[in-house]
N, C-alpha and C. Protein backbone atom coordinates (compact mmCIF):
# COMPACT_ATOMS: atom_id res chain seq x y z
N UNK A 1 6.09 -33.48 -27.78
CA UNK A 1 7.20 -33.96 -28.58
C UNK A 1 8.05 -34.90 -27.73
N UNK A 2 8.40 -36.01 -28.30
CA UNK A 2 9.26 -36.96 -27.61
C UNK A 2 10.72 -36.64 -27.89
N UNK A 3 11.47 -37.67 -28.07
CA UNK A 3 12.89 -37.50 -28.36
C UNK A 3 13.10 -37.41 -29.88
N UNK A 4 14.23 -36.85 -30.31
CA UNK A 4 14.48 -36.80 -31.76
C UNK A 4 14.70 -38.22 -32.30
N UNK A 5 14.23 -38.47 -33.50
CA UNK A 5 14.31 -39.80 -34.09
C UNK A 5 15.66 -39.98 -34.78
N UNK A 6 16.61 -40.53 -34.05
CA UNK A 6 17.95 -40.76 -34.59
C UNK A 6 18.26 -42.25 -34.75
N UNK A 7 17.22 -43.08 -34.68
CA UNK A 7 17.45 -44.54 -34.75
C UNK A 7 18.13 -44.97 -36.03
N UNK A 8 17.68 -44.43 -37.16
CA UNK A 8 18.26 -44.82 -38.45
C UNK A 8 19.74 -44.46 -38.50
N UNK A 9 20.06 -43.24 -38.09
CA UNK A 9 21.45 -42.78 -38.10
C UNK A 9 22.28 -43.58 -37.09
N UNK A 10 21.71 -43.84 -35.92
CA UNK A 10 22.43 -44.63 -34.91
C UNK A 10 22.73 -46.04 -35.41
N UNK A 11 21.78 -46.62 -36.14
CA UNK A 11 21.99 -47.95 -36.71
C UNK A 11 23.13 -47.92 -37.74
N UNK A 12 23.14 -46.90 -38.58
CA UNK A 12 24.21 -46.76 -39.57
C UNK A 12 25.56 -46.54 -38.88
N UNK A 13 25.57 -45.75 -37.81
CA UNK A 13 26.82 -45.51 -37.07
C UNK A 13 27.35 -46.82 -36.51
N UNK A 14 26.48 -47.64 -35.95
CA UNK A 14 26.96 -48.91 -35.38
C UNK A 14 27.47 -49.84 -36.47
N UNK A 15 26.83 -49.82 -37.66
CA UNK A 15 27.32 -50.64 -38.78
C UNK A 15 28.72 -50.22 -39.19
N UNK A 16 28.93 -48.91 -39.32
CA UNK A 16 30.24 -48.41 -39.76
C UNK A 16 31.29 -48.68 -38.68
N UNK A 17 30.91 -48.57 -37.41
CA UNK A 17 31.86 -48.88 -36.34
C UNK A 17 32.28 -50.35 -36.39
N UNK A 18 31.32 -51.24 -36.66
CA UNK A 18 31.65 -52.66 -36.79
C UNK A 18 32.58 -52.90 -37.97
N UNK A 19 32.32 -52.22 -39.08
CA UNK A 19 33.20 -52.35 -40.25
C UNK A 19 34.61 -51.87 -39.92
N UNK A 20 34.70 -50.75 -39.22
CA UNK A 20 36.00 -50.19 -38.88
C UNK A 20 36.79 -51.14 -37.97
N UNK A 21 36.12 -51.71 -36.99
CA UNK A 21 36.78 -52.67 -36.11
C UNK A 21 37.24 -53.90 -36.89
N UNK A 22 36.42 -54.35 -37.84
CA UNK A 22 36.79 -55.51 -38.65
C UNK A 22 38.02 -55.21 -39.50
N UNK A 23 38.09 -54.03 -40.06
CA UNK A 23 39.25 -53.65 -40.88
C UNK A 23 40.50 -53.59 -40.00
N UNK A 24 40.35 -53.07 -38.80
CA UNK A 24 41.50 -53.01 -37.89
C UNK A 24 41.99 -54.39 -37.48
N UNK A 25 41.06 -55.38 -37.47
CA UNK A 25 41.45 -56.75 -37.16
C UNK A 25 42.02 -57.47 -38.38
N UNK A 26 41.96 -56.83 -39.55
CA UNK A 26 42.51 -57.42 -40.76
C UNK A 26 41.51 -58.19 -41.59
N UNK A 27 40.24 -58.07 -41.29
CA UNK A 27 39.21 -58.76 -42.07
C UNK A 27 38.93 -58.00 -43.36
N UNK A 28 38.48 -58.74 -44.37
CA UNK A 28 38.28 -58.14 -45.68
C UNK A 28 36.84 -57.88 -46.04
N UNK A 29 35.87 -58.35 -45.28
CA UNK A 29 34.48 -58.20 -45.71
C UNK A 29 34.01 -56.76 -45.83
N UNK A 30 34.57 -55.78 -45.08
CA UNK A 30 34.08 -54.41 -45.27
C UNK A 30 34.67 -53.70 -46.51
N UNK A 31 35.63 -54.33 -47.18
CA UNK A 31 36.28 -53.67 -48.31
C UNK A 31 35.35 -53.63 -49.52
N UNK A 32 35.51 -52.58 -50.32
CA UNK A 32 34.76 -52.49 -51.57
C UNK A 32 35.42 -53.41 -52.60
N UNK A 33 34.77 -53.58 -53.73
CA UNK A 33 35.31 -54.46 -54.76
C UNK A 33 36.68 -54.02 -55.25
N UNK A 34 36.85 -52.73 -55.47
CA UNK A 34 38.14 -52.22 -55.94
C UNK A 34 39.22 -52.45 -54.89
N UNK A 35 38.89 -52.21 -53.63
CA UNK A 35 39.88 -52.41 -52.56
C UNK A 35 40.27 -53.88 -52.45
N UNK A 36 39.29 -54.79 -52.62
CA UNK A 36 39.60 -56.22 -52.60
C UNK A 36 40.52 -56.61 -53.75
N UNK A 37 40.20 -56.10 -54.94
CA UNK A 37 41.05 -56.40 -56.10
C UNK A 37 42.47 -55.91 -55.88
N UNK A 38 42.60 -54.70 -55.32
CA UNK A 38 43.94 -54.16 -55.05
C UNK A 38 44.68 -55.02 -54.03
N UNK A 39 43.97 -55.51 -53.02
CA UNK A 39 44.60 -56.38 -52.02
C UNK A 39 45.05 -57.70 -52.66
N UNK A 40 44.18 -58.29 -53.49
CA UNK A 40 44.56 -59.53 -54.16
C UNK A 40 45.75 -59.32 -55.08
N UNK A 41 45.76 -58.19 -55.76
CA UNK A 41 46.88 -57.88 -56.66
C UNK A 41 48.18 -57.76 -55.87
N UNK A 42 48.12 -57.09 -54.72
CA UNK A 42 49.31 -56.95 -53.88
C UNK A 42 49.75 -58.31 -53.34
N UNK A 43 48.77 -59.15 -52.95
CA UNK A 43 49.12 -60.50 -52.47
C UNK A 43 49.76 -61.33 -53.57
N UNK A 44 49.21 -61.23 -54.76
CA UNK A 44 49.78 -62.00 -55.88
C UNK A 44 51.20 -61.52 -56.18
N UNK A 45 51.43 -60.23 -56.10
CA UNK A 45 52.78 -59.70 -56.31
C UNK A 45 53.74 -60.19 -55.24
N UNK A 46 53.26 -60.27 -54.01
CA UNK A 46 54.10 -60.79 -52.93
C UNK A 46 54.40 -62.27 -53.11
N UNK A 47 53.40 -63.03 -53.54
CA UNK A 47 53.62 -64.46 -53.79
C UNK A 47 54.63 -64.66 -54.92
N UNK A 48 54.53 -63.84 -55.93
CA UNK A 48 55.48 -63.93 -57.06
C UNK A 48 56.89 -63.61 -56.58
N UNK A 49 57.00 -62.60 -55.72
CA UNK A 49 58.32 -62.23 -55.18
C UNK A 49 58.91 -63.38 -54.36
N UNK A 50 58.06 -64.02 -53.56
CA UNK A 50 58.54 -65.16 -52.76
C UNK A 50 59.00 -66.28 -53.68
N UNK A 51 58.23 -66.54 -54.72
CA UNK A 51 58.58 -67.62 -55.66
C UNK A 51 59.91 -67.34 -56.34
N UNK A 52 60.19 -66.08 -56.60
CA UNK A 52 61.45 -65.72 -57.26
C UNK A 52 62.57 -65.49 -56.26
N UNK A 53 62.27 -65.66 -54.96
CA UNK A 53 63.31 -65.54 -53.95
C UNK A 53 63.65 -64.11 -53.57
N UNK A 54 62.72 -63.19 -53.77
CA UNK A 54 62.95 -61.80 -53.43
C UNK A 54 62.15 -61.40 -52.20
N UNK A 55 62.37 -60.19 -51.74
CA UNK A 55 61.68 -59.66 -50.57
C UNK A 55 60.24 -59.27 -50.93
N UNK A 56 59.36 -59.32 -49.94
CA UNK A 56 57.96 -58.95 -50.15
C UNK A 56 57.63 -57.58 -49.59
N UNK A 57 58.64 -56.77 -49.36
CA UNK A 57 58.42 -55.45 -48.74
C UNK A 57 57.46 -54.59 -49.54
N UNK A 58 57.59 -54.57 -50.86
CA UNK A 58 56.71 -53.74 -51.68
C UNK A 58 55.26 -54.16 -51.57
N UNK A 59 55.01 -55.47 -51.60
CA UNK A 59 53.63 -55.96 -51.50
C UNK A 59 53.06 -55.67 -50.12
N UNK A 60 53.86 -55.85 -49.08
CA UNK A 60 53.38 -55.57 -47.73
C UNK A 60 53.06 -54.09 -47.57
N UNK A 61 53.90 -53.25 -48.14
CA UNK A 61 53.66 -51.80 -48.07
C UNK A 61 52.36 -51.44 -48.78
N UNK A 62 52.13 -52.03 -49.96
CA UNK A 62 50.89 -51.76 -50.70
C UNK A 62 49.67 -52.22 -49.91
N UNK A 63 49.76 -53.39 -49.30
CA UNK A 63 48.63 -53.89 -48.52
C UNK A 63 48.36 -53.00 -47.30
N UNK A 64 49.43 -52.54 -46.66
CA UNK A 64 49.26 -51.64 -45.52
C UNK A 64 48.63 -50.32 -45.94
N UNK A 65 49.06 -49.80 -47.08
CA UNK A 65 48.50 -48.52 -47.53
C UNK A 65 47.04 -48.67 -47.93
N UNK A 66 46.68 -49.81 -48.51
CA UNK A 66 45.27 -50.04 -48.84
C UNK A 66 44.45 -50.12 -47.56
N UNK A 67 44.96 -50.84 -46.57
CA UNK A 67 44.25 -50.94 -45.28
C UNK A 67 44.07 -49.60 -44.61
N UNK A 68 45.08 -48.75 -44.67
CA UNK A 68 44.95 -47.44 -44.03
C UNK A 68 43.98 -46.55 -44.82
N UNK A 69 43.95 -46.69 -46.15
CA UNK A 69 42.99 -45.89 -46.92
C UNK A 69 41.56 -46.33 -46.63
N UNK A 70 41.36 -47.65 -46.40
CA UNK A 70 40.03 -48.13 -46.03
C UNK A 70 39.64 -47.57 -44.67
N UNK A 71 40.57 -47.56 -43.72
CA UNK A 71 40.29 -46.97 -42.41
C UNK A 71 39.93 -45.49 -42.53
N UNK A 72 40.66 -44.77 -43.37
CA UNK A 72 40.36 -43.34 -43.57
C UNK A 72 38.97 -43.15 -44.16
N UNK A 73 38.61 -43.99 -45.12
CA UNK A 73 37.28 -43.90 -45.75
C UNK A 73 36.19 -44.14 -44.71
N UNK A 74 36.36 -45.18 -43.89
CA UNK A 74 35.35 -45.49 -42.88
C UNK A 74 35.29 -44.42 -41.79
N UNK A 75 36.44 -43.86 -41.42
CA UNK A 75 36.45 -42.76 -40.44
C UNK A 75 35.71 -41.55 -40.98
N UNK A 76 35.91 -41.24 -42.26
CA UNK A 76 35.21 -40.11 -42.87
C UNK A 76 33.70 -40.36 -42.89
N UNK A 77 33.31 -41.60 -43.20
CA UNK A 77 31.90 -41.96 -43.20
C UNK A 77 31.31 -41.82 -41.80
N UNK A 78 32.06 -42.25 -40.81
CA UNK A 78 31.62 -42.16 -39.42
C UNK A 78 31.46 -40.71 -38.99
N UNK A 79 32.41 -39.87 -39.38
CA UNK A 79 32.34 -38.44 -39.05
C UNK A 79 31.10 -37.80 -39.68
N UNK A 80 30.82 -38.16 -40.94
CA UNK A 80 29.64 -37.61 -41.61
C UNK A 80 28.35 -38.05 -40.91
N UNK A 81 28.31 -39.31 -40.46
CA UNK A 81 27.12 -39.79 -39.77
C UNK A 81 26.93 -39.10 -38.42
N UNK A 82 28.03 -38.87 -37.70
CA UNK A 82 27.91 -38.14 -36.44
C UNK A 82 27.42 -36.71 -36.68
N UNK A 83 27.89 -36.10 -37.76
CA UNK A 83 27.42 -34.76 -38.10
C UNK A 83 25.94 -34.75 -38.43
N UNK A 84 25.49 -35.76 -39.16
CA UNK A 84 24.06 -35.88 -39.49
C UNK A 84 23.22 -36.08 -38.23
N UNK A 85 23.72 -36.88 -37.30
CA UNK A 85 23.00 -37.11 -36.04
C UNK A 85 22.89 -35.80 -35.25
N UNK A 86 23.99 -35.06 -35.21
CA UNK A 86 23.98 -33.79 -34.49
C UNK A 86 23.02 -32.81 -35.13
N UNK A 87 22.93 -32.81 -36.46
CA UNK A 87 22.00 -31.92 -37.16
C UNK A 87 20.56 -32.26 -36.79
N UNK A 88 20.24 -33.55 -36.72
CA UNK A 88 18.88 -33.97 -36.36
C UNK A 88 18.54 -33.52 -34.94
N UNK A 89 19.48 -33.71 -34.01
CA UNK A 89 19.24 -33.32 -32.62
C UNK A 89 19.09 -31.80 -32.52
N UNK A 90 19.91 -31.05 -33.24
CA UNK A 90 19.84 -29.59 -33.20
C UNK A 90 18.51 -29.09 -33.77
N UNK A 91 18.08 -29.67 -34.89
CA UNK A 91 16.79 -29.27 -35.48
C UNK A 91 15.65 -29.55 -34.51
N UNK A 92 15.72 -30.69 -33.83
CA UNK A 92 14.69 -31.03 -32.85
C UNK A 92 14.67 -30.02 -31.71
N UNK A 93 15.86 -29.65 -31.23
CA UNK A 93 15.94 -28.70 -30.12
C UNK A 93 15.41 -27.32 -30.54
N UNK A 94 15.71 -26.91 -31.76
CA UNK A 94 15.21 -25.62 -32.24
C UNK A 94 13.70 -25.63 -32.38
N UNK A 95 13.16 -26.73 -32.88
CA UNK A 95 11.71 -26.83 -33.04
C UNK A 95 11.03 -26.83 -31.68
N UNK A 96 11.63 -27.49 -30.72
CA UNK A 96 11.06 -27.54 -29.38
C UNK A 96 11.14 -26.16 -28.71
N UNK A 97 12.23 -25.45 -28.93
CA UNK A 97 12.37 -24.12 -28.35
C UNK A 97 11.35 -23.16 -28.95
N UNK A 98 11.05 -23.27 -30.23
CA UNK A 98 10.04 -22.42 -30.85
C UNK A 98 8.65 -22.72 -30.30
N UNK A 99 8.41 -23.97 -30.02
CA UNK A 99 7.09 -24.41 -29.61
C UNK A 99 6.73 -23.98 -28.18
N UNK A 100 7.74 -23.91 -27.31
CA UNK A 100 7.45 -23.56 -25.92
C UNK A 100 7.13 -22.08 -25.81
N UNK A 101 6.13 -21.74 -24.99
CA UNK A 101 5.75 -20.33 -24.83
C UNK A 101 6.81 -19.59 -24.00
N UNK A 102 6.97 -18.32 -24.32
CA UNK A 102 7.98 -17.53 -23.61
C UNK A 102 7.42 -16.74 -22.44
N UNK A 103 6.10 -16.71 -22.30
CA UNK A 103 5.47 -15.93 -21.23
C UNK A 103 5.35 -16.72 -19.93
N UNK A 104 4.78 -16.04 -18.95
CA UNK A 104 4.60 -16.69 -17.64
C UNK A 104 3.48 -17.73 -17.71
N UNK A 105 2.42 -17.42 -18.40
CA UNK A 105 1.26 -18.32 -18.39
C UNK A 105 1.15 -19.01 -19.66
């Protein structure tokens, strides 16, 4: 037996980590369609407030809360993937322990 096959999970983990870093930098490509619509709606509300000469605090707060919810979603996804990776490694270790003989010879 070689090493446990975690390549698929490792690839997914790296994808989610890249998405998380992009969200922290303020990029929008990792957002889902609903999250993008909510961001555009908040931006439009802020633009309307500016046009009417009012403060944009509400729109900025909405955009910040959407960004933090996206971070929470990606962190939860990352945690689930790490758990899946650990399960694969544990199953491999258990199978290997069963396979090895317990006697001297």
